[in-house]
PDB file of N, CA and C in Angstrom:
ATOM      1  N   UNK A   1      -6.066  24.816 -26.269  1.00  0.00           N
ATOM      2  CA  UNK A   1      -5.321  23.620 -26.587  1.00  0.00           C
ATOM      3  C   UNK A   1      -4.706  23.017 -25.330  1.00  0.00           C
ATOM      4  N   UNK A   2      -4.091  23.877 -24.491  1.00  0.00           N
ATOM      5  CA  UNK A   2      -3.480  23.371 -23.261  1.00  0.00           C
ATOM      6  C   UNK A   2      -4.536  22.778 -22.340  1.00  0.00           C
ATOM      7  N   UNK A   3      -5.718  23.375 -22.307  1.00  0.00           N
ATOM      8  CA  UNK A   3      -6.796  22.841 -21.467  1.00  0.00           C
ATOM      9  C   UNK A   3      -7.199  21.442 -21.924  1.00  0.00           C
ATOM     10  N   UNK A   4      -7.208  21.221 -23.230  1.00  0.00           N
ATOM     11  CA  UNK A   4      -7.533  19.890 -23.751  1.00  0.00           C
ATOM     12  C   UNK A   4      -6.471  18.870 -23.371  1.00  0.00           C
ATOM     13  N   UNK A   5      -5.213  19.263 -23.437  1.00  0.00           N
ATOM     14  CA  UNK A   5      -4.117  18.364 -23.077  1.00  0.00           C
ATOM     15  C   UNK A   5      -4.180  18.025 -21.590  1.00  0.00           C
ATOM     16  N   UNK A   6      -4.412  19.042 -20.762  1.00  0.00           N
ATOM     17  CA  UNK A   6      -4.505  18.811 -19.315  1.00  0.00           C
ATOM     18  C   UNK A   6      -5.681  17.891 -19.004  1.00  0.00           C
ATOM     19  N   UNK A   7      -6.792  18.096 -19.663  1.00  0.00           N
ATOM     20  CA  UNK A   7      -7.960  17.248 -19.454  1.00  0.00           C
ATOM     21  C   UNK A   7      -7.677  15.805 -19.855  1.00  0.00           C
ATOM     22  N   UNK A   8      -7.004  15.623 -20.974  1.00  0.00           N
ATOM     23  CA  UNK A   8      -6.674  14.276 -21.448  1.00  0.00           C
ATOM     24  C   UNK A   8      -5.712  13.571 -20.499  1.00  0.00           C
ATOM     25  N   UNK A   9      -4.665  14.273 -20.084  1.00  0.00           N
ATOM     26  CA  UNK A   9      -3.683  13.678 -19.170  1.00  0.00           C
ATOM     27  C   UNK A   9      -4.352  13.362 -17.834  1.00  0.00           C
ATOM     28  N   UNK A  10      -5.162  14.272 -17.347  1.00  0.00           N
ATOM     29  CA  UNK A  10      -5.848  14.054 -16.074  1.00  0.00           C
ATOM     30  C   UNK A  10      -6.759  12.831 -16.146  1.00  0.00           C
ATOM     31  N   UNK A  11      -7.472  12.681 -17.231  1.00  0.00           N
ATOM     32  CA  UNK A  11      -8.348  11.521 -17.402  1.00  0.00           C
ATOM     33  C   UNK A  11      -7.580  10.215 -17.458  1.00  0.00           C
ATOM     34  N   UNK A  12      -6.459  10.218 -18.170  1.00  0.00           N
ATOM     35  CA  UNK A  12      -5.645   9.003 -18.281  1.00  0.00           C
ATOM     36  C   UNK A  12      -5.044   8.606 -16.935  1.00  0.00           C
ATOM     37  N   UNK A  13      -4.536   9.587 -16.208  1.00  0.00           N
ATOM     38  CA  UNK A  13      -3.926   9.295 -14.913  1.00  0.00           C
ATOM     39  C   UNK A  13      -4.993   8.877 -13.906  1.00  0.00           C
ATOM     40  N   UNK A  14      -6.177   9.467 -13.984  1.00  0.00           N
ATOM     41  CA  UNK A  14      -7.275   9.050 -13.113  1.00  0.00           C
ATOM     42  C   UNK A  14      -7.657   7.604 -13.400  1.00  0.00           C
ATOM     43  N   UNK A  15      -7.681   7.229 -14.663  1.00  0.00           N
ATOM     44  CA  UNK A  15      -7.962   5.829 -15.021  1.00  0.00           C
ATOM     45  C   UNK A  15      -6.906   4.898 -14.439  1.00  0.00           C
ATOM     46  N   UNK A  16      -5.639   5.292 -14.526  1.00  0.00           N
ATOM     47  CA  UNK A  16      -4.569   4.474 -13.972  1.00  0.00           C
ATOM     48  C   UNK A  16      -4.741   4.312 -12.463  1.00  0.00           C
ATOM     49  N   UNK A  17      -5.071   5.384 -11.773  1.00  0.00           N
ATOM     50  CA  UNK A  17      -5.300   5.300 -10.336  1.00  0.00           C
ATOM     51  C   UNK A  17      -6.483   4.408  -9.999  1.00  0.00           C
ATOM     52  N   UNK A  18      -7.546   4.521 -10.762  1.00  0.00           N
ATOM     53  CA  UNK A  18      -8.704   3.656 -10.558  1.00  0.00           C
ATOM     54  C   UNK A  18      -8.372   2.191 -10.783  1.00  0.00           C
ATOM     55  N   UNK A  19      -7.547   1.940 -11.789  1.00  0.00           N
ATOM     56  CA  UNK A  19      -7.110   0.564 -12.048  1.00  0.00           C
ATOM     57  C   UNK A  19      -6.329   0.019 -10.854  1.00  0.00           C
ATOM     58  N   UNK A  20      -5.454   0.846 -10.277  1.00  0.00           N
ATOM     59  CA  UNK A  20      -4.687   0.400  -9.120  1.00  0.00           C
ATOM     60  C   UNK A  20      -5.580   0.139  -7.913  1.00  0.00           C
ATOM     61  N   UNK A  21      -6.598   0.965  -7.720  1.00  0.00           N
ATOM     62  CA  UNK A  21      -7.522   0.731  -6.608  1.00  0.00           C
ATOM     63  C   UNK A  21      -8.250  -0.596  -6.792  1.00  0.00           C
ATOM     64  N   UNK A  22      -8.726  -0.860  -8.003  1.00  0.00           N
ATOM     65  CA  UNK A  22      -9.426  -2.123  -8.265  1.00  0.00           C
ATOM     66  C   UNK A  22      -8.475  -3.304  -8.119  1.00  0.00           C
ATOM     67  N   UNK A  23      -7.267  -3.175  -8.662  1.00  0.00           N
ATOM     68  CA  UNK A  23      -6.279  -4.252  -8.547  1.00  0.00           C
ATOM     69  C   UNK A  23      -5.951  -4.537  -7.081  1.00  0.00           C
ATOM     70  N   UNK A  24      -5.802  -3.479  -6.287  1.00  0.00           N
ATOM     71  CA  UNK A  24      -5.529  -3.650  -4.866  1.00  0.00           C
ATOM     72  C   UNK A  24      -6.690  -4.308  -4.139  1.00  0.00           C
ATOM     73  N   UNK A  25      -7.912  -3.958  -4.519  1.00  0.00           N
ATOM     74  CA  UNK A  25      -9.077  -4.570  -3.883  1.00  0.00           C
ATOM     75  C   UNK A  25      -9.160  -6.063  -4.209  1.00  0.00           C
ATOM     76  N   UNK A  26      -8.867  -6.417  -5.447  1.00  0.00           N
ATOM     77  CA  UNK A  26      -8.858  -7.831  -5.826  1.00  0.00           C
ATOM     78  C   UNK A  26      -7.749  -8.567  -5.070  1.00  0.00           C
ATOM     79  N   UNK A  27      -6.583  -7.966  -4.988  1.00  0.00           N
ATOM     80  CA  UNK A  27      -5.474  -8.583  -4.253  1.00  0.00           C
ATOM     81  C   UNK A  27      -5.814  -8.739  -2.776  1.00  0.00           C
ATOM     82  N   UNK A  28      -6.479  -7.739  -2.214  1.00  0.00           N
ATOM     83  CA  UNK A  28      -6.881  -7.811  -0.812  1.00  0.00           C
ATOM     84  C   UNK A  28      -7.877  -8.945  -0.600  1.00  0.00           C
ATOM     85  N   UNK A  29      -8.833  -9.057  -1.490  1.00  0.00           N
ATOM     86  CA  UNK A  29      -9.810 -10.145  -1.384  1.00  0.00           C
ATOM     87  C   UNK A  29      -9.153 -11.511  -1.471  1.00  0.00           C
ATOM     88  N   UNK A  30      -8.211 -11.656  -2.394  1.00  0.00           N
ATOM     89  CA  UNK A  30      -7.513 -12.938  -2.523  1.00  0.00           C
ATOM     90  C   UNK A  30      -6.650 -13.237  -1.305  1.00  0.00           C
ATOM     91  N   UNK A  31      -5.994 -12.211  -0.777  1.00  0.00           N
ATOM     92  CA  UNK A  31      -5.138 -12.413   0.391  1.00  0.00           C
ATOM     93  C   UNK A  31      -5.964 -12.801   1.613  1.00  0.00           C
ATOM     94  N   UNK A  32      -7.129 -12.200   1.758  1.00  0.00           N
ATOM     95  CA  UNK A  32      -7.987 -12.545   2.893  1.00  0.00           C
ATOM     96  C   UNK A  32      -8.567 -13.948   2.723  1.00  0.00           C
ATOM     97  N   UNK A  33      -8.975 -14.252   1.496  1.00  0.00           N
ATOM     98  CA  UNK A  33      -9.583 -15.567   1.255  1.00  0.00           C
ATOM     99  C   UNK A  33      -8.574 -16.684   1.455  1.00  0.00           C
ATOM    100  N   UNK A  34      -7.357 -16.496   0.972  1.00  0.00           N
ATOM    101  CA  UNK A  34      -6.349 -17.547   1.057  1.00  0.00           C
ATOM    102  C   UNK A  34      -5.544 -17.499   2.345  1.00  0.00           C
ATOM    103  N   UNK A  35      -5.803 -16.493   3.178  1.00  0.00           N
ATOM    104  CA  UNK A  35      -5.125 -16.335   4.464  1.00  0.00           C
ATOM    105  C   UNK A  35      -3.610 -16.431   4.295  1.00  0.00           C
ATOM    106  N   UNK A  36      -3.067 -15.580   3.434  1.00  0.00           N
ATOM    107  CA  UNK A  36      -1.650 -15.625   3.108  1.00  0.00           C
ATOM    108  C   UNK A  36      -0.786 -14.879   4.109  1.00  0.00           C
ATOM    109  N   UNK A  37      -1.372 -14.219   5.027  1.00  0.00           N
ATOM    110  CA  UNK A  37      -0.579 -13.516   6.022  1.00  0.00           C
ATOM    111  C   UNK A  37      -0.617 -12.014   5.852  1.00  0.00           C
ATOM    112  N   UNK A  38       0.035 -11.358   6.789  1.00  0.00           N
ATOM    113  CA  UNK A  38      -0.016  -9.914   6.850  1.00  0.00           C
ATOM    114  C   UNK A  38       0.697  -9.203   5.723  1.00  0.00           C
ATOM    115  N   UNK A  39       1.743  -9.797   5.184  1.00  0.00           N
ATOM    116  CA  UNK A  39       2.499  -9.095   4.144  1.00  0.00           C
ATOM    117  C   UNK A  39       1.686  -8.928   2.865  1.00  0.00           C
ATOM    118  N   UNK A  40       0.910  -9.929   2.493  1.00  0.00           N
ATOM    119  CA  UNK A  40       0.068  -9.821   1.299  1.00  0.00           C
ATOM    120  C   UNK A  40      -1.052  -8.810   1.510  1.00  0.00           C
ATOM    121  N   UNK A  41      -1.612  -8.805   2.705  1.00  0.00           N
ATOM    122  CA  UNK A  41      -2.685  -7.858   3.008  1.00  0.00           C
ATOM    123  C   UNK A  41      -2.130  -6.436   3.022  1.00  0.00           C
ATOM    124  N   UNK A  42      -0.951  -6.257   3.628  1.00  0.00           N
ATOM    125  CA  UNK A  42      -0.331  -4.925   3.665  1.00  0.00           C
ATOM    126  C   UNK A  42       0.004  -4.440   2.260  1.00  0.00           C
ATOM    127  N   UNK A  43       0.470  -5.330   1.409  1.00  0.00           N
ATOM    128  CA  UNK A  43       0.790  -4.963   0.025  1.00  0.00           C
ATOM    129  C   UNK A  43      -0.471  -4.530  -0.723  1.00  0.00           C
ATOM    130  N   UNK A  44      -1.559  -5.244  -0.512  1.00  0.00           N
ATOM    131  CA  UNK A  44      -2.810  -4.901  -1.178  1.00  0.00           C
ATOM    132  C   UNK A  44      -3.338  -3.552  -0.689  1.00  0.00           C
ATOM    133  N   UNK A  45      -3.258  -3.307   0.602  1.00  0.00           N
ATOM    134  CA  UNK A  45      -3.715  -2.029   1.145  1.00  0.00           C
ATOM    135  C   UNK A  45      -2.837  -0.896   0.632  1.00  0.00           C
ATOM    136  N   UNK A  46      -1.543  -1.151   0.511  1.00  0.00           N
ATOM    137  CA  UNK A  46      -0.645  -0.132  -0.044  1.00  0.00           C
ATOM    138  C   UNK A  46      -0.984   0.181  -1.496  1.00  0.00           C
ATOM    139  N   UNK A  47      -1.356  -0.826  -2.264  1.00  0.00           N
ATOM    140  CA  UNK A  47      -1.747  -0.606  -3.656  1.00  0.00           C
ATOM    141  C   UNK A  47      -3.019   0.233  -3.728  1.00  0.00           C
ATOM    142  N   UNK A  48      -3.980  -0.057  -2.865  1.00  0.00           N
ATOM    143  CA  UNK A  48      -5.218   0.725  -2.828  1.00  0.00           C
ATOM    144  C   UNK A  48      -4.919   2.180  -2.460  1.00  0.00           C
ATOM    145  N   UNK A  49      -4.089   2.371  -1.438  1.00  0.00           N
ATOM    146  CA  UNK A  49      -3.747   3.730  -1.010  1.00  0.00           C
ATOM    147  C   UNK A  49      -2.979   4.472  -2.102  1.00  0.00           C
ATOM    148  N   UNK A  50      -2.071   3.794  -2.764  1.00  0.00           N
ATOM    149  CA  UNK A  50      -1.325   4.412  -3.864  1.00  0.00           C
ATOM    150  C   UNK A  50      -2.237   4.837  -4.998  1.00  0.00           C
ATOM    151  N   UNK A  51      -3.207   3.995  -5.336  1.00  0.00           N
ATOM    152  CA  UNK A  51      -4.169   4.350  -6.378  1.00  0.00           C
ATOM    153  C   UNK A  51      -4.999   5.558  -5.991  1.00  0.00           C
ATOM    154  N   UNK A  52      -5.394   5.627  -4.723  1.00  0.00           N
ATOM    155  CA  UNK A  52      -6.174   6.771  -4.254  1.00  0.00           C
ATOM    156  C   UNK A  52      -5.353   8.059  -4.314  1.00  0.00           C
ATOM    157  N   UNK A  53      -4.070   7.973  -3.978  1.00  0.00           N
ATOM    158  CA  UNK A  53      -3.203   9.147  -4.056  1.00  0.00           C
ATOM    159  C   UNK A  53      -3.029   9.594  -5.505  1.00  0.00           C
ATOM    160  N   UNK A  54      -2.885   8.650  -6.417  1.00  0.00           N
ATOM    161  CA  UNK A  54      -2.752   8.978  -7.836  1.00  0.00           C
ATOM    162  C   UNK A  54      -4.026   9.651  -8.352  1.00  0.00           C
ATOM    163  N   UNK A  55      -5.182   9.156  -7.946  1.00  0.00           N
ATOM    164  CA  UNK A  55      -6.443   9.770  -8.355  1.00  0.00           C
ATOM    165  C   UNK A  55      -6.528  11.205  -7.837  1.00  0.00           C
ATOM    166  N   UNK A  56      -6.160  11.394  -6.564  1.00  0.00           N
ATOM    167  CA  UNK A  56      -6.205  12.740  -5.987  1.00  0.00           C
ATOM    168  C   UNK A  56      -5.260  13.689  -6.717  1.00  0.00           C
ATOM    169  N   UNK A  57      -4.071  13.207  -7.064  1.00  0.00           N
ATOM    170  CA  UNK A  57      -3.115  14.043  -7.794  1.00  0.00           C
ATOM    171  C   UNK A  57      -3.643  14.388  -9.186  1.00  0.00           C
ATOM    172  N   UNK A  58      -4.293  13.442  -9.845  1.00  0.00           N
ATOM    173  CA  UNK A  58      -4.835  13.700 -11.178  1.00  0.00           C
ATOM    174  C   UNK A  58      -5.969  14.717 -11.127  1.00  0.00           C
ATOM    175  N   UNK A  59      -6.807  14.617 -10.109  1.00  0.00           N
ATOM    176  CA  UNK A  59      -7.891  15.588  -9.963  1.00  0.00           C
ATOM    177  C   UNK A  59      -7.314  16.971  -9.706  1.00  0.00           C
ATOM    178  N   UNK A  60      -6.309  17.047  -8.853  1.00  0.00           N
ATOM    179  CA  UNK A  60      -5.679  18.337  -8.578  1.00  0.00           C
ATOM    180  C   UNK A  60      -5.013  18.891  -9.840  1.00  0.00           C
ATOM    181  N   UNK A  61      -4.338  18.045 -10.594  1.00  0.00           N
ATOM    182  CA  UNK A  61      -3.703  18.472 -11.834  1.00  0.00           C
ATOM    183  C   UNK A  61      -4.736  19.007 -12.817  1.00  0.00           C
ATOM    184  N   UNK A  62      -5.910  18.390 -12.863  1.00  0.00           N
ATOM    185  CA  UNK A  62      -6.967  18.849 -13.747  1.00  0.00           C
ATOM    186  C   UNK A  62      -7.563  20.180 -13.332  1.00  0.00           C
ATOM    187  N   UNK A  63      -7.386  20.553 -12.063  1.00  0.00           N
ATOM    188  CA  UNK A  63      -7.938  21.805 -11.560  1.00  0.00           C
ATOM    189  C   UNK A  63      -6.948  22.963 -11.647  1.00  0.00           C
ATOM    190  N   UNK A  64      -5.767  22.747 -12.168  1.00  0.00           N
ATOM    191  CA  UNK A  64      -4.777  23.815 -12.249  1.00  0.00           C
ATOM    192  C   UNK A  64      -5.290  24.949 -13.140  1.00  0.00           C
ATOM    193  N   UNK A  65      -4.992  26.170 -12.728  1.00  0.00           N
ATOM    194  CA  UNK A  65      -5.452  27.349 -13.448  1.00  0.00           C
ATOM    195  C   UNK A  65      -4.443  27.719 -14.540  1.00  0.00           C
ATOM    196  N   UNK A  66      -4.903  27.679 -15.768  1.00  0.00           N
ATOM    197  CA  UNK A  66      -4.035  28.044 -16.895  1.00  0.00           C
ATOM    198  C   UNK A  66      -4.492  29.351 -17.549  1.00  0.00           C
ATOM    199  N   UNK A  67      -5.309  30.106 -16.850  1.00  0.00           N
ATOM    200  CA  UNK A  67      -5.818  31.336 -17.447  1.00  0.00           C
ATOM    201  C   UNK A  67      -4.741  32.414 -17.594  1.00  0.00           C
ATOM    202  N   UNK A  68      -3.638  32.279 -16.911  1.00  0.00           N
ATOM    203  CA  UNK A  68      -2.574  33.255 -17.000  1.00  0.00           C
ATOM    204  C   UNK A  68      -1.733  33.098 -18.267  1.00  0.00           C
ATOM    205  N   UNK A  69      -1.889  31.980 -18.958  1.00  0.00           N
ATOM    206  CA  UNK A  69      -1.146  31.753 -20.194  1.00  0.00           C
ATOM    207  C   UNK A  69      -1.714  32.588 -21.324  1.00  0.00           C
ATOM    208  N   UNK A  70      -0.863  33.019 -22.239  1.00  0.00           N
ATOM    209  CA  UNK A  70      -1.394  33.745 -23.415  1.00  0.00           C
ATOM    210  C   UNK A  70      -2.203  32.814 -24.310  1.00  0.00           C
ATOM    211  N   UNK A  71      -3.156  33.369 -25.011  1.00  0.00           N
ATOM    212  CA  UNK A  71      -4.027  32.550 -25.860  1.00  0.00           C
ATOM    213  C   UNK A  71      -3.223  32.022 -26.957  1.00  0.00           C
TER     214      UNK A  71
END
């Protein structure tokens, strides 16, 4: 049961991280196209990096060993 919960949470958080990466990429494209300056580009890159960190954390969370728990 705990493995199913961990898998579900990991999948949901991975989706959220992927959404942030895509949102950041779209923001980066718009900032470059409209030449809005460095602050918009930096914000978009930060969003992409944040999404990547969230994905990495979700993958790590999904790999946690729960075999020590009682059945």
